[in-house]
């Protein structure tokens, strides 16, 4: 069982360290990015780092490239702050859940706006009063 409390602590510790270090990065390609989670392999040799970025697709692409460029530095920082048998190789993956949530909010906002525009066209009082 590799996903127990120990692995959750490892993942959260790595997320905090990486998030702090990403804030310090000076890469001009790095957009407004948030580290949302880390999933470390049970053998501790690899870790998938999930992130979200605010901006258009081109900004997301530049941020992905900036994170890849910084991966060895981030890995070195992790190695300096955490005592682990192995310092995991970091791979970055955009957190699609955040994007889906933002898209869902946008769709709901559009629906509300449409309802507000047509509110007088139909009886919206379910009580009939």
Protein backbone atom coordinates (compact mmCIF):
# COMPACT_ATOMS: atom_id res chain seq x y z
CA UNK A 1 0.00 0.00 0.00
CA UNK A 2 1.98 2.96 -1.29
CA UNK A 3 -0.65 5.70 -0.92
CA UNK A 4 -0.99 5.73 2.83
CA UNK A 5 -0.35 8.55 5.29
CA UNK A 6 3.40 8.47 4.71
CA UNK A 7 3.05 9.07 0.96
CA UNK A 8 0.50 11.83 1.57
CA UNK A 9 3.03 13.55 3.86
CA UNK A 10 5.79 13.11 1.27
CA UNK A 11 3.56 14.55 -1.47
CA UNK A 12 2.46 17.51 0.62
CA UNK A 13 6.01 18.27 1.75
CA UNK A 14 7.25 18.20 -1.85
CA UNK A 15 4.33 20.39 -2.97
CA UNK A 16 5.15 23.02 -0.33
CA UNK A 17 8.88 23.07 -1.14
CA UNK A 18 8.33 23.23 -4.90
CA UNK A 19 5.63 25.90 -4.58
CA UNK A 20 7.92 28.10 -2.47
CA UNK A 21 10.80 27.71 -4.90
CA UNK A 22 8.63 28.35 -7.99
CA UNK A 23 7.69 31.72 -6.46
CA UNK A 24 11.41 32.57 -6.38
CA UNK A 25 12.07 31.68 -10.03
CA UNK A 26 12.96 34.62 -12.24
CA UNK A 27 12.13 32.98 -15.58
CA UNK A 28 10.28 35.52 -17.77
CA UNK A 29 8.26 32.72 -19.36
CA UNK A 30 6.75 31.74 -16.04
CA UNK A 31 3.16 32.93 -15.74
CA UNK A 32 0.94 33.14 -12.70
CA UNK A 33 1.32 29.51 -11.63
CA UNK A 34 0.10 27.55 -8.64
CA UNK A 35 1.43 24.15 -7.63
CA UNK A 36 -1.74 22.19 -6.90
CA UNK A 37 -0.36 18.79 -5.98
CA UNK A 38 2.38 16.20 -6.21
CA UNK A 39 2.05 12.48 -6.83
CA UNK A 40 5.22 10.63 -5.92
CA UNK A 41 5.80 7.09 -7.15
CA UNK A 42 5.95 4.47 -4.38
CA UNK A 43 9.66 3.86 -5.12
CA UNK A 44 10.30 7.63 -4.64
CA UNK A 45 12.21 7.85 -7.93
CA UNK A 46 9.70 10.02 -9.80
CA UNK A 47 7.14 12.63 -8.86
CA UNK A 48 4.48 14.19 -11.03
CA UNK A 49 3.96 17.84 -10.10
CA UNK A 50 0.53 19.26 -10.94
CA UNK A 51 0.13 22.96 -11.54
CA UNK A 52 -2.40 25.47 -12.79
CA UNK A 53 -1.65 28.63 -14.70
CA UNK A 54 -3.87 31.61 -15.31
CA UNK A 55 -3.75 32.94 -18.83
CA UNK A 56 -4.21 32.05 -22.45
CA UNK A 57 -2.89 28.89 -24.12
CA UNK A 58 0.36 30.59 -25.15
CA UNK A 59 1.00 31.59 -21.52
CA UNK A 60 0.33 28.03 -20.39
CA UNK A 61 2.82 26.75 -22.96
CA UNK A 62 5.51 29.24 -21.88
CA UNK A 63 4.92 28.29 -18.25
CA UNK A 64 5.25 24.57 -19.06
CA UNK A 65 8.57 25.26 -20.77
CA UNK A 66 9.78 27.42 -17.85
CA UNK A 67 8.94 24.68 -15.35
CA UNK A 68 10.80 22.11 -17.45
CA UNK A 69 13.85 24.41 -17.58
CA UNK A 70 13.71 24.78 -13.79
CA UNK A 71 13.16 21.09 -12.99
CA UNK A 72 16.80 20.32 -12.15
CA UNK A 73 17.03 23.38 -9.89
CA UNK A 74 13.76 22.45 -8.18
CA UNK A 75 14.97 18.90 -7.74
CA UNK A 76 18.21 20.15 -6.16
CA UNK A 77 16.22 22.32 -3.73
CA UNK A 78 14.06 19.33 -2.79
CA UNK A 79 17.21 17.26 -2.23
CA UNK A 80 18.64 19.95 0.02
CA UNK A 81 15.53 20.24 2.18
CA UNK A 82 14.18 16.69 2.44
CA UNK A 83 15.96 13.57 3.55
CA UNK A 84 14.76 10.82 1.23
CA UNK A 85 16.31 7.66 -0.07
CA UNK A 86 16.02 9.11 -3.58
CA UNK A 87 15.37 12.63 -4.78
CA UNK A 88 12.58 12.10 -7.28
CA UNK A 89 12.83 13.12 -10.90
CA UNK A 90 10.20 15.84 -11.37
CA UNK A 91 7.77 15.95 -14.27
CA UNK A 92 5.20 18.72 -14.63
CA UNK A 93 1.62 18.29 -15.72
CA UNK A 94 -1.02 20.97 -15.98
CA UNK A 95 -3.88 20.34 -13.58
CA UNK A 96 -6.84 19.97 -15.92
CA UNK A 97 -9.32 20.00 -13.04
CA UNK A 98 -8.65 23.70 -12.44
CA UNK A 99 -9.17 24.52 -16.11
CA UNK A 100 -12.40 22.49 -16.21
CA UNK A 101 -13.64 24.25 -13.09
CA UNK A 102 -12.89 27.68 -14.54
CA UNK A 103 -14.65 26.72 -17.78
CA UNK A 104 -17.66 25.47 -15.82
CA UNK A 105 -17.83 28.77 -13.90
CA UNK A 106 -17.70 30.67 -17.17
CA UNK A 107 -20.56 28.59 -18.63
CA UNK A 108 -22.68 29.06 -15.51
CA UNK A 109 -22.03 32.81 -15.59
CA UNK A 110 -23.15 32.91 -19.24
CA UNK A 111 -26.31 30.97 -18.41
CA UNK A 112 -27.13 33.36 -15.55
CA UNK A 113 -26.58 36.35 -17.84
CA UNK A 114 -28.90 34.82 -20.44
CA UNK A 115 -31.52 34.17 -17.74
CA UNK A 116 -31.19 37.74 -16.48
CA UNK A 117 -31.65 39.13 -19.99
CA UNK A 118 -34.83 37.13 -20.53
CA UNK A 119 -36.22 37.20 -16.97
CA UNK A 120 -39.35 39.19 -17.94
CA UNK A 121 -40.26 36.90 -20.82
CA UNK A 122 -41.58 33.99 -18.76
CA UNK A 123 -43.06 33.45 -15.33
CA UNK A 124 -40.13 32.82 -13.06
CA UNK A 125 -42.16 32.66 -9.82
CA UNK A 126 -42.69 28.94 -9.05
CA UNK A 127 -45.22 29.84 -6.33
CA UNK A 128 -47.52 31.38 -8.91
CA UNK A 129 -47.79 34.61 -6.93
